Amino acid sequence: MGGVRGLSPQQRRVLDLMTTGYTNKEIAKELGISSRTVEVHRALALRCLGARTSFEAVVIWDRAKRVTSPLSDEGGRDLRHA
């Protein structure tokens, strides 16, 4: 498990699209890759994040993106409402 930092750029793109509710087929079309390749990236991302389900991976990914957002401080608090 490499955590969020261990994700490849393609795994990050797949997770981004998973977060918006895209299916494997929709992700494949959006990224110009096969559905099978999406499945592989999804499985590797889950393993890297230590997630057991796609939902769990999306939650981890969404939280990680919020914490590292330029609109949040180091504790993940939203600076727009500070």
C-alpha atoms as a PDB file:
ATOM      1  CA  MET A   1       0.000   0.000   0.000  1.00  0.00           C
ATOM      2  CA  GLY A   2       1.473   3.302  -1.064  1.00  0.00           C
ATOM      3  CA  GLY A   3      -1.350   5.583   0.005  1.00  0.00           C
ATOM      4  CA  VAL A   4      -2.466   8.572  -2.019  1.00  0.00           C
ATOM      5  CA  ARG A   5       1.110   9.488  -2.943  1.00  0.00           C
ATOM      6  CA  GLY A   6       1.607   6.056  -4.474  1.00  0.00           C
ATOM      7  CA  LEU A   7      -1.187   6.512  -7.017  1.00  0.00           C
ATOM      8  CA  SER A   8      -0.230   6.881 -10.668  1.00  0.00           C
ATOM      9  CA  PRO A   9      -1.592   9.849 -12.653  1.00  0.00           C
ATOM     10  CA  GLN A  10      -3.959   7.501 -14.508  1.00  0.00           C
ATOM     11  CA  GLN A  11      -5.215   5.978 -11.254  1.00  0.00           C
ATOM     12  CA  ARG A  12      -5.885   9.514  -9.990  1.00  0.00           C
ATOM     13  CA  ARG A  13      -7.885  10.335 -13.128  1.00  0.00           C
ATOM     14  CA  VAL A  14      -9.918   7.135 -12.727  1.00  0.00           C
ATOM     15  CA  LEU A  15     -10.608   7.991  -9.077  1.00  0.00           C
ATOM     16  CA  ASP A  16     -11.633  11.531 -10.043  1.00  0.00           C
ATOM     17  CA  LEU A  17     -14.187  10.146 -12.464  1.00  0.00           C
ATOM     18  CA  MET A  18     -15.332   7.494  -9.987  1.00  0.00           C
ATOM     19  CA  THR A  19     -15.957  10.315  -7.516  1.00  0.00           C
ATOM     20  CA  THR A  20     -18.323  11.979  -9.976  1.00  0.00           C
ATOM     21  CA  GLY A  21     -20.258   8.721 -10.387  1.00  0.00           C
ATOM     22  CA  TYR A  22     -18.941   7.559 -13.758  1.00  0.00           C
ATOM     23  CA  THR A  23     -19.199   3.858 -14.572  1.00  0.00           C
ATOM     24  CA  ASN A  24     -16.190   1.883 -15.841  1.00  0.00           C
ATOM     25  CA  LYS A  25     -17.559   2.175 -19.369  1.00  0.00           C
ATOM     26  CA  GLU A  26     -17.986   5.953 -19.061  1.00  0.00           C
ATOM     27  CA  ILE A  27     -14.503   6.328 -17.570  1.00  0.00           C
ATOM     28  CA  ALA A  28     -13.055   4.273 -20.426  1.00  0.00           C
ATOM     29  CA  LYS A  29     -14.746   6.465 -23.008  1.00  0.00           C
ATOM     30  CA  GLU A  30     -13.676   9.688 -21.249  1.00  0.00           C
ATOM     31  CA  LEU A  31     -10.030   8.599 -20.984  1.00  0.00           C
ATOM     32  CA  GLY A  32      -9.851   6.805 -24.333  1.00  0.00           C
ATOM     33  CA  ILE A  33      -8.911   3.455 -22.804  1.00  0.00           C
ATOM     34  CA  SER A  34     -10.622   0.064 -22.576  1.00  0.00           C
ATOM     35  CA  SER A  35     -13.041  -0.871 -19.809  1.00  0.00           C
ATOM     36  CA  ARG A  36     -10.624  -3.631 -18.804  1.00  0.00           C
ATOM     37  CA  THR A  37      -7.832  -1.069 -18.369  1.00  0.00           C
ATOM     38  CA  VAL A  38     -10.152   0.986 -16.166  1.00  0.00           C
ATOM     39  CA  GLU A  39     -10.807  -2.134 -14.063  1.00  0.00           C
ATOM     40  CA  VAL A  40      -7.062  -2.644 -13.643  1.00  0.00           C
ATOM     41  CA  HIS A  41      -6.456   0.993 -12.639  1.00  0.00           C
ATOM     42  CA  ARG A  42      -9.402   0.838 -10.240  1.00  0.00           C
ATOM     43  CA  ALA A  43      -8.132  -2.384  -8.616  1.00  0.00           C
ATOM     44  CA  LEU A  44      -4.601  -1.008  -8.267  1.00  0.00           C
ATOM     45  CA  ALA A  45      -5.942   2.246  -6.793  1.00  0.00           C
ATOM     46  CA  LEU A  46      -8.004   0.330  -4.227  1.00  0.00           C
ATOM     47  CA  ARG A  47      -4.968  -1.713  -3.249  1.00  0.00           C
ATOM     48  CA  CYS A  48      -2.776   1.380  -3.029  1.00  0.00           C
ATOM     49  CA  LEU A  49      -5.307   3.188  -0.824  1.00  0.00           C
ATOM     50  CA  GLY A  50      -5.948   0.120   1.319  1.00  0.00           C
ATOM     51  CA  ALA A  51      -9.641   0.273   0.414  1.00  0.00           C
ATOM     52  CA  ARG A  52     -11.852  -2.809   0.342  1.00  0.00           C
ATOM     53  CA  THR A  53     -14.575  -1.286  -1.829  1.00  0.00           C
ATOM     54  CA  SER A  54     -14.856   1.308  -4.570  1.00  0.00           C
ATOM     55  CA  PHE A  55     -16.976   3.435  -2.247  1.00  0.00           C
ATOM     56  CA  GLU A  56     -14.255   3.360   0.402  1.00  0.00           C
ATOM     57  CA  ALA A  57     -11.644   4.345  -2.200  1.00  0.00           C
ATOM     58  CA  VAL A  58     -13.767   7.273  -3.364  1.00  0.00           C
ATOM     59  CA  VAL A  59     -14.192   8.489   0.229  1.00  0.00           C
ATOM     60  CA  ILE A  60     -10.442   8.242   0.899  1.00  0.00           C
ATOM     61  CA  TRP A  61      -9.630   9.982  -2.394  1.00  0.00           C
ATOM     62  CA  ASP A  62     -12.194  12.753  -1.812  1.00  0.00           C
ATOM     63  CA  ARG A  63     -10.887  13.431   1.704  1.00  0.00           C
ATOM     64  CA  ALA A  64      -7.286  13.448   0.496  1.00  0.00           C
ATOM     65  CA  LYS A  65      -8.103  15.960  -2.216  1.00  0.00           C
ATOM     66  CA  ARG A  66      -9.836  18.237   0.293  1.00  0.00           C
ATOM     67  CA  VAL A  67      -6.880  18.151   2.661  1.00  0.00           C
ATOM     68  CA  THR A  68      -4.425  19.002  -0.119  1.00  0.00           C
ATOM     69  CA  SER A  69      -6.645  21.644  -1.726  1.00  0.00           C
ATOM     70  CA  PRO A  70      -5.186  25.162  -1.923  1.00  0.00           C
ATOM     71  CA  LEU A  71      -8.444  26.291  -0.300  1.00  0.00           C
ATOM     72  CA  SER A  72      -7.781  24.296   2.869  1.00  0.00           C
ATOM     73  CA  ASP A  73      -5.187  24.595   5.586  1.00  0.00           C
ATOM     74  CA  GLU A  74      -2.905  21.782   6.745  1.00  0.00           C
ATOM     75  CA  GLY A  75      -5.667  20.415   8.988  1.00  0.00           C
ATOM     76  CA  GLY A  76      -8.101  20.220   6.066  1.00  0.00           C
ATOM     77  CA  ARG A  77     -10.208  23.151   7.260  1.00  0.00           C
ATOM     78  CA  ASP A  78     -11.846  25.167   4.479  1.00  0.00           C
ATOM     79  CA  LEU A  79     -10.120  28.570   4.285  1.00  0.00           C
ATOM     80  CA  ARG A  80     -13.020  30.146   2.431  1.00  0.00           C
ATOM     81  CA  HIS A  81     -14.964  30.179   5.706  1.00  0.00           C
ATOM     82  CA  ALA A  82     -12.110  31.095   8.037  1.00  0.00           C
END
